[in-house]
Structures are given as structure tokens and as C-alpha cells.
Amino acid sequence: MGMLRAYLIEDEPFARDELKYLLARLREVKVIGESDTMEEAVSDIKQLEPDVIFLDICLADGSGLEVAKQINRLKRPPWVVFATAFHQHALEAFELNAIDYITKPFMEDRIEQTIEKVKKLTEQQKAEGSLTHSKPSEKRKNKLAVSQGERIIMVDMDKIVYIGTEDRQVVLKSVDARFKIDAPLYEMTHKLGSFPFLRTHRGYIVNADFVEEVEPWFNGTYNLLLSDGSKVPVSRSYIKEIREYLDF
């Protein structure tokens, strides 16, 4: 594959220069733009379409978490890597589909690990024809390969009810069966592609075609009641998107 195109969002010049230097040393990444504000970053990313963005949490005009939310709504969202001094926001970051979370001071070997992950996911995505980074004209795949020991089961996408994390294990629930999955949930998000598959929670992806009822829950959250009898939570981070998709 060619060089990865990266965009940096960081309001501390020293940290931004350090990250740019470490990426340049890898000789596999080209930094195509940088910004220290939310507004400029979102505008640039829409125009430049980088492969990956490195995003700080605290910016001069707001939060990097809000930038990630806006980026996730794009037709071709880049991979998101949070690069920050704050450890406590990791959970929120991964709820927003971040593929990595690195903390300052930046270490060269840690940056290299992140780039290897981006390369692997990008190559996998191209091989599988994932809709998340594909052109609208490309045909949506209708099968998902699920490894089960030495067997590979081809599951009909239309029959997938949800994929979720239960007892620290990622599981796929289909109309016909239930499978344990070795891949992390963020990877499954990119394999499944877009609608009708919706991220409802840091631990769940749901097929909207199986939603029968939206149940109000505590503190402004919801549960989705599915046609197979399952109940899946909707966290506050995803309520706006779920409301838009399901129109309620």
C-alpha cells in the first residue's frame, strides 16, 4: 500500500511538532495537514480526506471528542487516534470508534504500533470492500466470514441481529445461531459498514431492521427491544444518531 495520509489536531505547538517528527521517521506516513481548532480541523478533513487523524482531547475552542463525533458522520471517515495527556477519556474515545489511544509524552515505538494497526485495518478494509470507506456505487457485501476454530462460517448479513460484548467476549447473534468472535468490536463496526447496522453503545452494534420497540430507560438512555427477544442498551453518546436513524 502507499503512504498513509495523516492529519494532526493539537493546540500545543511542541506536541504537534514532536508527533509530526515521529511520524516522519517511520517513512510510511505523510502529514497532509494540521490544526489547533475544531472548526478548522473538521473543514480540512472534509476537504483533504486523510486516512487517519491524530486528535488531542483538549483544544483551544472545544473538545476533541466533539470533533470525533462530527468526523464519524462523514461518508468516508478517517481512522481516529486520540493523542493526549489525559488518561481518563479513553472509554469515551473508544465509544466514538477510536482505533487507538496514545498518551503524552509520545514514544516512537508506540507511534509505530499505532501505524501498524492503521495499515492492517486499511488493508483488511480494502480486501473486504467495507462500506465505511467505500464509494456509494460499490456493491454492499451480503456475507460476513466468522471464524469458529478451524471452520469459517459465512453468515448472511441480513440475518445478523446484533454484535455485542457479553462477559468480556464479543458475540454475534443471528436469527439462526450465536457465535463467539475473536475480533474487537471496533473492527466489526468497519466490517459491517453502514445502515442498517448502528452503533448503540460502546459494547453493541445493532441491525436496525430487527428493532421492534424503543424503551426509555434511566438518565435519558434507552433500550432497543429486538424481534428475537433481545434487549440492547443505547448509551447517551449514541442517542442523537439513533434518533436520526430510527426517526423518533
C-alpha atoms as a PDB file:
ATOM      1  CA  MET A   1       0.000   0.000   0.000  1.00  0.00           C
ATOM      2  CA  GLY A   2       1.073   3.629  -0.478  1.00  0.00           C
ATOM      3  CA  MET A   3       1.917   6.138   2.202  1.00  0.00           C
ATOM      4  CA  LEU A   4      -0.731   6.821   4.813  1.00  0.00           C
ATOM      5  CA  ARG A   5      -2.079  10.375   4.785  1.00  0.00           C
ATOM      6  CA  ALA A   6      -2.362  11.808   8.295  1.00  0.00           C
ATOM      7  CA  TYR A   7      -3.921  14.940   9.763  1.00  0.00           C
ATOM      8  CA  LEU A   8      -2.918  16.301  13.198  1.00  0.00           C
ATOM      9  CA  ILE A   9      -5.243  18.173  15.569  1.00  0.00           C
ATOM     10  CA  GLU A  10      -3.266  19.542  18.502  1.00  0.00           C
ATOM     11  CA  ASP A  11      -3.217  23.008  20.097  1.00  0.00           C
ATOM     12  CA  GLU A  12       0.246  22.671  21.678  1.00  0.00           C
ATOM     13  CA  PRO A  13       2.877  23.504  19.023  1.00  0.00           C
ATOM     14  CA  PHE A  14       5.623  21.486  20.741  1.00  0.00           C
ATOM     15  CA  ALA A  15       3.477  18.345  20.983  1.00  0.00           C
ATOM     16  CA  ARG A  16       2.321  18.752  17.384  1.00  0.00           C
ATOM     17  CA  ASP A  17       5.903  19.128  16.129  1.00  0.00           C
ATOM     18  CA  GLU A  18       7.019  16.117  18.173  1.00  0.00           C
ATOM     19  CA  LEU A  19       4.258  13.934  16.740  1.00  0.00           C
ATOM     20  CA  LYS A  20       4.986  15.152  13.215  1.00  0.00           C
ATOM     21  CA  TYR A  21       8.681  14.334  13.677  1.00  0.00           C
ATOM     22  CA  LEU A  22       7.979  10.804  14.954  1.00  0.00           C
ATOM     23  CA  LEU A  23       5.578  10.089  12.102  1.00  0.00           C
ATOM     24  CA  ALA A  24       8.117  11.343   9.558  1.00  0.00           C
ATOM     25  CA  ARG A  25      10.736   8.952  10.951  1.00  0.00           C
ATOM     26  CA  LEU A  26       8.539   5.990  10.045  1.00  0.00           C
ATOM     27  CA  ARG A  27       8.730   6.930   6.335  1.00  0.00           C
ATOM     28  CA  GLU A  28       5.257   5.440   5.835  1.00  0.00           C
ATOM     29  CA  VAL A  29       3.176   8.458   6.781  1.00  0.00           C
ATOM     30  CA  LYS A  30       2.719  11.827   5.122  1.00  0.00           C
ATOM     31  CA  VAL A  31       1.243  14.593   7.271  1.00  0.00           C
ATOM     32  CA  ILE A  32      -1.080  16.439   4.885  1.00  0.00           C
ATOM     33  CA  GLY A  33      -2.451  18.992   7.323  1.00  0.00           C
ATOM     34  CA  GLU A  34      -2.639  20.191  10.897  1.00  0.00           C
ATOM     35  CA  SER A  35      -4.807  22.413  13.044  1.00  0.00           C
ATOM     36  CA  ASP A  36      -5.264  23.627  16.608  1.00  0.00           C
ATOM     37  CA  THR A  37      -9.030  24.271  16.455  1.00  0.00           C
ATOM     38  CA  MET A  38     -12.170  22.188  15.985  1.00  0.00           C
ATOM     39  CA  GLU A  39     -13.718  24.290  13.248  1.00  0.00           C
ATOM     40  CA  GLU A  40     -10.636  24.386  11.039  1.00  0.00           C
ATOM     41  CA  ALA A  41      -9.935  20.685  11.576  1.00  0.00           C
ATOM     42  CA  VAL A  42     -13.402  19.480  10.570  1.00  0.00           C
ATOM     43  CA  SER A  43     -13.365  21.699   7.480  1.00  0.00           C
ATOM     44  CA  ASP A  44      -9.903  20.483   6.431  1.00  0.00           C
ATOM     45  CA  ILE A  45     -10.734  16.815   6.987  1.00  0.00           C
ATOM     46  CA  LYS A  46     -13.832  17.038   4.794  1.00  0.00           C
ATOM     47  CA  GLN A  47     -11.724  18.531   2.012  1.00  0.00           C
ATOM     48  CA  LEU A  48      -8.460  16.577   2.361  1.00  0.00           C
ATOM     49  CA  GLU A  49      -9.929  13.140   3.279  1.00  0.00           C
ATOM     50  CA  PRO A  50      -6.933  11.828   5.276  1.00  0.00           C
ATOM     51  CA  ASP A  51      -6.564   8.132   6.080  1.00  0.00           C
ATOM     52  CA  VAL A  52      -6.014   8.756   9.793  1.00  0.00           C
ATOM     53  CA  ILE A  53      -6.284  11.671  12.203  1.00  0.00           C
ATOM     54  CA  PHE A  54      -4.351  12.157  15.439  1.00  0.00           C
ATOM     55  CA  LEU A  55      -6.600  14.074  17.789  1.00  0.00           C
ATOM     56  CA  ASP A  56      -5.999  15.753  21.146  1.00  0.00           C
ATOM     57  CA  ILE A  57      -8.797  15.856  23.735  1.00  0.00           C
ATOM     58  CA  CYS A  58      -8.424  19.489  24.819  1.00  0.00           C
ATOM     59  CA  LEU A  59      -8.393  22.045  22.023  1.00  0.00           C
ATOM     60  CA  ALA A  60      -8.402  25.827  22.028  1.00  0.00           C
ATOM     61  CA  ASP A  61     -12.078  26.036  21.040  1.00  0.00           C
ATOM     62  CA  GLY A  62     -13.550  22.828  22.426  1.00  0.00           C
ATOM     63  CA  SER A  63     -13.177  19.079  22.823  1.00  0.00           C
ATOM     64  CA  GLY A  64     -11.562  16.563  20.514  1.00  0.00           C
ATOM     65  CA  LEU A  65     -14.388  14.202  21.463  1.00  0.00           C
ATOM     66  CA  GLU A  66     -16.819  16.503  19.661  1.00  0.00           C
ATOM     67  CA  VAL A  67     -14.534  16.526  16.620  1.00  0.00           C
ATOM     68  CA  ALA A  68     -14.639  12.714  16.584  1.00  0.00           C
ATOM     69  CA  LYS A  69     -18.450  12.753  16.707  1.00  0.00           C
ATOM     70  CA  GLN A  70     -18.584  15.062  13.693  1.00  0.00           C
ATOM     71  CA  ILE A  71     -15.987  13.033  11.800  1.00  0.00           C
ATOM     72  CA  ASN A  72     -17.951   9.815  12.365  1.00  0.00           C
ATOM     73  CA  ARG A  73     -20.871  11.310  10.416  1.00  0.00           C
ATOM     74  CA  LEU A  74     -18.821  11.661   7.232  1.00  0.00           C
ATOM     75  CA  LYS A  75     -19.370   9.247   4.354  1.00  0.00           C
ATOM     76  CA  ARG A  76     -15.642   8.450   4.361  1.00  0.00           C
ATOM     77  CA  PRO A  77     -14.487   8.907   7.966  1.00  0.00           C
ATOM     78  CA  PRO A  78     -10.762   8.511   8.615  1.00  0.00           C
ATOM     79  CA  TRP A  79      -9.385   6.264  11.325  1.00  0.00           C
ATOM     80  CA  VAL A  80      -9.329   8.194  14.605  1.00  0.00           C
ATOM     81  CA  VAL A  81      -6.391   8.015  17.020  1.00  0.00           C
ATOM     82  CA  PHE A  82      -6.563  10.075  20.200  1.00  0.00           C
ATOM     83  CA  ALA A  83      -3.180  11.517  21.193  1.00  0.00           C
ATOM     84  CA  THR A  84      -3.471  13.278  24.532  1.00  0.00           C
ATOM     85  CA  ALA A  85      -2.098  13.822  28.026  1.00  0.00           C
ATOM     86  CA  PHE A  86      -5.348  12.682  29.641  1.00  0.00           C
ATOM     87  CA  HIS A  87      -5.813   9.016  30.558  1.00  0.00           C
ATOM     88  CA  GLN A  88      -9.370   9.367  31.867  1.00  0.00           C
ATOM     89  CA  HIS A  89     -11.069   9.881  28.495  1.00  0.00           C
ATOM     90  CA  ALA A  90     -10.088   6.528  26.965  1.00  0.00           C
ATOM     91  CA  LEU A  91     -13.519   4.942  27.465  1.00  0.00           C
ATOM     92  CA  GLU A  92     -15.298   7.854  25.781  1.00  0.00           C
ATOM     93  CA  ALA A  93     -12.780   7.746  22.945  1.00  0.00           C
ATOM     94  CA  PHE A  94     -13.400   4.079  22.187  1.00  0.00           C
ATOM     95  CA  GLU A  95     -17.156   4.666  22.363  1.00  0.00           C
ATOM     96  CA  LEU A  96     -16.566   7.015  19.422  1.00  0.00           C
ATOM     97  CA  ASN A  97     -14.888   4.253  17.392  1.00  0.00           C
ATOM     98  CA  ALA A  98     -11.313   5.373  18.008  1.00  0.00           C
ATOM     99  CA  ILE A  99      -8.877   2.658  16.970  1.00  0.00           C
ATOM    100  CA  ASP A 100      -6.165   3.707  19.427  1.00  0.00           C
ATOM    101  CA  TYR A 101      -5.456   6.000  22.373  1.00  0.00           C
ATOM    102  CA  ILE A 102      -1.882   7.148  22.975  1.00  0.00           C
ATOM    103  CA  THR A 103      -0.685   9.394  25.768  1.00  0.00           C
ATOM    104  CA  LYS A 104       1.990  12.058  26.041  1.00  0.00           C
ATOM    105  CA  PRO A 105       4.946  12.085  26.054  1.00  0.00           C
ATOM    106  CA  PHE A 106       4.869  10.266  22.717  1.00  0.00           C
ATOM    107  CA  MET A 107       7.206   7.295  22.277  1.00  0.00           C
ATOM    108  CA  GLU A 108       8.442   6.240  18.853  1.00  0.00           C
ATOM    109  CA  ASP A 109       7.715   2.528  19.345  1.00  0.00           C
ATOM    110  CA  ARG A 110       4.166   3.325  20.497  1.00  0.00           C
ATOM    111  CA  ILE A 111       3.539   5.500  17.429  1.00  0.00           C
ATOM    112  CA  GLU A 112       4.892   2.692  15.250  1.00  0.00           C
ATOM    113  CA  GLN A 113       2.429   0.229  16.832  1.00  0.00           C
ATOM    114  CA  THR A 114      -0.431   2.587  16.035  1.00  0.00           C
ATOM    115  CA  ILE A 115       0.624   2.990  12.410  1.00  0.00           C
ATOM    116  CA  GLU A 116       0.916  -0.788  12.030  1.00  0.00           C
ATOM    117  CA  LYS A 117      -2.652  -1.084  13.315  1.00  0.00           C
ATOM    118  CA  VAL A 118      -3.862   1.552  10.841  1.00  0.00           C
ATOM    119  CA  LYS A 119      -2.099  -0.238   7.972  1.00  0.00           C
ATOM    120  CA  LYS A 120      -3.578  -3.587   8.947  1.00  0.00           C
ATOM    121  CA  LEU A 121      -7.108  -2.220   9.230  1.00  0.00           C
ATOM    122  CA  THR A 122      -6.784  -0.311   5.954  1.00  0.00           C
ATOM    123  CA  GLU A 123      -5.565  -3.376   4.067  1.00  0.00           C
ATOM    124  CA  GLN A 124      -8.276  -5.522   5.629  1.00  0.00           C
ATOM    125  CA  GLN A 125     -10.906  -2.982   4.736  1.00  0.00           C
ATOM    126  CA  LYS A 126      -9.803  -2.824   1.113  1.00  0.00           C
ATOM    127  CA  ALA A 127      -9.807  -6.619   0.876  1.00  0.00           C
ATOM    128  CA  GLU A 128     -13.285  -6.919   2.328  1.00  0.00           C
ATOM    129  CA  GLY A 129     -14.803  -3.975   0.448  1.00  0.00           C
ATOM    130  CA  SER A 130     -16.143  -2.394   3.640  1.00  0.00           C
ATOM    131  CA  LEU A 131     -18.755   0.297   3.054  1.00  0.00           C
ATOM    132  CA  THR A 132     -17.373   2.585   5.717  1.00  0.00           C
ATOM    133  CA  HIS A 133     -14.567   3.843   3.459  1.00  0.00           C
ATOM    134  CA  SER A 134     -16.053   2.830   0.101  1.00  0.00           C
ATOM    135  CA  LYS A 135     -17.735   4.747  -2.655  1.00  0.00           C
ATOM    136  CA  PRO A 136     -21.554   4.748  -2.640  1.00  0.00           C
ATOM    137  CA  SER A 137     -21.635   2.991  -6.007  1.00  0.00           C
ATOM    138  CA  GLU A 138     -19.823  -0.092  -4.699  1.00  0.00           C
ATOM    139  CA  LYS A 139     -21.970  -3.143  -4.041  1.00  0.00           C
ATOM    140  CA  ARG A 140     -22.669  -3.957  -0.418  1.00  0.00           C
ATOM    141  CA  LYS A 141     -21.483  -7.414   0.563  1.00  0.00           C
ATOM    142  CA  ASN A 142     -24.132  -9.805   1.883  1.00  0.00           C
ATOM    143  CA  LYS A 143     -21.991 -12.322   3.780  1.00  0.00           C
ATOM    144  CA  LEU A 144     -19.751 -11.991   6.830  1.00  0.00           C
ATOM    145  CA  ALA A 145     -16.974 -14.529   7.410  1.00  0.00           C
ATOM    146  CA  VAL A 146     -16.940 -15.746  11.026  1.00  0.00           C
ATOM    147  CA  SER A 147     -14.046 -17.932  12.210  1.00  0.00           C
ATOM    148  CA  GLN A 148     -15.060 -20.771  14.514  1.00  0.00           C
ATOM    149  CA  GLY A 149     -12.000 -22.846  15.344  1.00  0.00           C
ATOM    150  CA  GLU A 150     -10.811 -24.374  12.077  1.00  0.00           C
ATOM    151  CA  ARG A 151     -14.096 -23.578  10.340  1.00  0.00           C
ATOM    152  CA  ILE A 152     -15.142 -20.345   8.636  1.00  0.00           C
ATOM    153  CA  ILE A 153     -18.900 -19.787   8.726  1.00  0.00           C
ATOM    154  CA  MET A 154     -20.443 -17.440   6.168  1.00  0.00           C
ATOM    155  CA  VAL A 155     -23.238 -15.578   7.953  1.00  0.00           C
ATOM    156  CA  ASP A 156     -25.940 -13.754   5.997  1.00  0.00           C
ATOM    157  CA  MET A 157     -25.615 -10.051   6.824  1.00  0.00           C
ATOM    158  CA  ASP A 158     -29.387  -9.648   6.692  1.00  0.00           C
ATOM    159  CA  LYS A 159     -29.751 -12.263   9.447  1.00  0.00           C
ATOM    160  CA  ILE A 160     -27.368 -10.605  11.917  1.00  0.00           C
ATOM    161  CA  VAL A 161     -29.451  -9.264  14.809  1.00  0.00           C
ATOM    162  CA  TYR A 162     -26.633  -7.669  16.811  1.00  0.00           C
ATOM    163  CA  ILE A 163     -22.974  -7.937  17.747  1.00  0.00           C
ATOM    164  CA  GLY A 164     -22.075  -7.154  21.333  1.00  0.00           C
ATOM    165  CA  THR A 165     -19.681  -7.618  24.209  1.00  0.00           C
ATOM    166  CA  GLU A 166     -21.037 -10.005  26.828  1.00  0.00           C
ATOM    167  CA  ASP A 167     -18.936 -11.245  29.749  1.00  0.00           C
ATOM    168  CA  ARG A 168     -15.836  -9.720  28.092  1.00  0.00           C
ATOM    169  CA  GLN A 169     -16.445 -11.744  24.931  1.00  0.00           C
ATOM    170  CA  VAL A 170     -17.589 -10.341  21.579  1.00  0.00           C
ATOM    171  CA  VAL A 171     -20.570 -12.341  20.329  1.00  0.00           C
ATOM    172  CA  LEU A 172     -22.580 -12.287  17.113  1.00  0.00           C
ATOM    173  CA  LYS A 173     -26.282 -13.088  17.436  1.00  0.00           C
ATOM    174  CA  SER A 174     -28.002 -14.048  14.205  1.00  0.00           C
ATOM    175  CA  VAL A 175     -31.501 -15.300  13.512  1.00  0.00           C
ATOM    176  CA  ASP A 176     -30.153 -18.856  13.350  1.00  0.00           C
ATOM    177  CA  ALA A 177     -27.225 -19.016  15.778  1.00  0.00           C
ATOM    178  CA  ARG A 178     -24.903 -17.336  18.265  1.00  0.00           C
ATOM    179  CA  PHE A 179     -21.145 -17.109  17.623  1.00  0.00           C
ATOM    180  CA  LYS A 180     -18.160 -16.052  19.704  1.00  0.00           C
ATOM    181  CA  ILE A 181     -15.951 -13.605  17.779  1.00  0.00           C
ATOM    182  CA  ASP A 182     -12.205 -13.093  18.252  1.00  0.00           C
ATOM    183  CA  ALA A 183     -12.115  -9.653  16.584  1.00  0.00           C
ATOM    184  CA  PRO A 184     -12.623  -6.477  18.691  1.00  0.00           C
ATOM    185  CA  LEU A 185     -15.887  -4.600  18.315  1.00  0.00           C
ATOM    186  CA  TYR A 186     -14.382  -1.575  16.523  1.00  0.00           C
ATOM    187  CA  GLU A 187     -13.107  -3.936  13.820  1.00  0.00           C
ATOM    188  CA  MET A 188     -16.569  -5.458  13.418  1.00  0.00           C
ATOM    189  CA  THR A 189     -18.006  -1.950  13.006  1.00  0.00           C
ATOM    190  CA  HIS A 190     -15.897  -1.428   9.897  1.00  0.00           C
ATOM    191  CA  LYS A 191     -16.604  -4.920   8.566  1.00  0.00           C
ATOM    192  CA  LEU A 192     -20.361  -4.429   8.777  1.00  0.00           C
ATOM    193  CA  GLY A 193     -20.374  -0.996   7.187  1.00  0.00           C
ATOM    194  CA  SER A 194     -23.238   1.470   7.438  1.00  0.00           C
ATOM    195  CA  PHE A 195     -27.036   1.374   7.847  1.00  0.00           C
ATOM    196  CA  PRO A 196     -28.882  -0.798   8.840  1.00  0.00           C
ATOM    197  CA  PHE A 197     -26.046  -1.515  11.300  1.00  0.00           C
ATOM    198  CA  LEU A 198     -25.970   1.073  14.084  1.00  0.00           C
ATOM    199  CA  ARG A 199     -23.541   1.527  16.967  1.00  0.00           C
ATOM    200  CA  THR A 200     -25.755   1.980  20.032  1.00  0.00           C
ATOM    201  CA  HIS A 201     -23.247   1.621  22.838  1.00  0.00           C
ATOM    202  CA  ARG A 202     -19.533   1.038  23.334  1.00  0.00           C
ATOM    203  CA  GLY A 203     -20.418  -2.655  23.562  1.00  0.00           C
ATOM    204  CA  TYR A 204     -23.113  -3.109  20.892  1.00  0.00           C
ATOM    205  CA  ILE A 205     -23.847  -2.867  17.160  1.00  0.00           C
ATOM    206  CA  VAL A 206     -27.485  -3.481  16.168  1.00  0.00           C
ATOM    207  CA  ASN A 207     -29.236  -4.288  12.910  1.00  0.00           C
ATOM    208  CA  ALA A 208     -31.968  -1.629  12.803  1.00  0.00           C
ATOM    209  CA  ASP A 209     -34.221  -3.946  10.781  1.00  0.00           C
ATOM    210  CA  PHE A 210     -34.749  -6.045  13.927  1.00  0.00           C
ATOM    211  CA  VAL A 211     -35.725  -3.157  16.229  1.00  0.00           C
ATOM    212  CA  GLU A 212     -39.357  -3.504  17.325  1.00  0.00           C
ATOM    213  CA  GLU A 213     -39.559  -1.075  20.230  1.00  0.00           C
ATOM    214  CA  VAL A 214     -37.586   1.760  21.827  1.00  0.00           C
ATOM    215  CA  GLU A 215     -37.851   1.602  25.612  1.00  0.00           C
ATOM    216  CA  PRO A 216     -36.995   4.721  27.683  1.00  0.00           C
ATOM    217  CA  TRP A 217     -34.536   3.865  30.455  1.00  0.00           C
ATOM    218  CA  PHE A 218     -32.643   5.697  33.202  1.00  0.00           C
ATOM    219  CA  ASN A 219     -30.933   9.102  32.894  1.00  0.00           C
ATOM    220  CA  GLY A 220     -32.119   9.788  29.365  1.00  0.00           C
ATOM    221  CA  THR A 221     -30.911   6.476  27.923  1.00  0.00           C
ATOM    222  CA  TYR A 222     -32.895   3.821  26.057  1.00  0.00           C
ATOM    223  CA  ASN A 223     -33.108   0.098  25.418  1.00  0.00           C
ATOM    224  CA  LEU A 224     -33.861  -1.344  21.997  1.00  0.00           C
ATOM    225  CA  LEU A 225     -36.205  -4.337  22.086  1.00  0.00           C
ATOM    226  CA  LEU A 226     -35.426  -6.634  19.172  1.00  0.00           C
ATOM    227  CA  SER A 227     -37.671  -9.052  17.321  1.00  0.00           C
ATOM    228  CA  ASP A 228     -35.804 -12.111  18.655  1.00  0.00           C
ATOM    229  CA  GLY A 229     -36.493 -11.048  22.256  1.00  0.00           C
ATOM    230  CA  SER A 230     -33.080  -9.480  22.873  1.00  0.00           C
ATOM    231  CA  LYS A 231     -32.677  -6.156  24.658  1.00  0.00           C
ATOM    232  CA  VAL A 232     -29.770  -3.872  23.703  1.00  0.00           C
ATOM    233  CA  PRO A 233     -28.791  -0.635  25.507  1.00  0.00           C
ATOM    234  CA  VAL A 234     -28.388   2.790  23.906  1.00  0.00           C
ATOM    235  CA  SER A 235     -25.864   4.983  25.723  1.00  0.00           C
ATOM    236  CA  ARG A 236     -26.123   8.773  25.795  1.00  0.00           C
ATOM    237  CA  SER A 237     -23.179   9.090  23.393  1.00  0.00           C
ATOM    238  CA  TYR A 238     -25.247   7.498  20.614  1.00  0.00           C
ATOM    239  CA  ILE A 239     -28.763   8.779  21.329  1.00  0.00           C
ATOM    240  CA  LYS A 240     -28.659  11.567  18.731  1.00  0.00           C
ATOM    241  CA  GLU A 241     -27.554   9.223  15.942  1.00  0.00           C
ATOM    242  CA  ILE A 242     -30.096   6.553  16.915  1.00  0.00           C
ATOM    243  CA  ARG A 243     -32.902   9.132  16.977  1.00  0.00           C
ATOM    244  CA  GLU A 244     -31.926  10.295  13.491  1.00  0.00           C
ATOM    245  CA  TYR A 245     -31.761   6.776  12.047  1.00  0.00           C
ATOM    246  CA  LEU A 246     -34.945   5.467  13.678  1.00  0.00           C
ATOM    247  CA  ASP A 247     -36.781   8.810  13.395  1.00  0.00           C
ATOM    248  CA  PHE A 248     -38.259   9.110  16.898  1.00  0.00           C
END
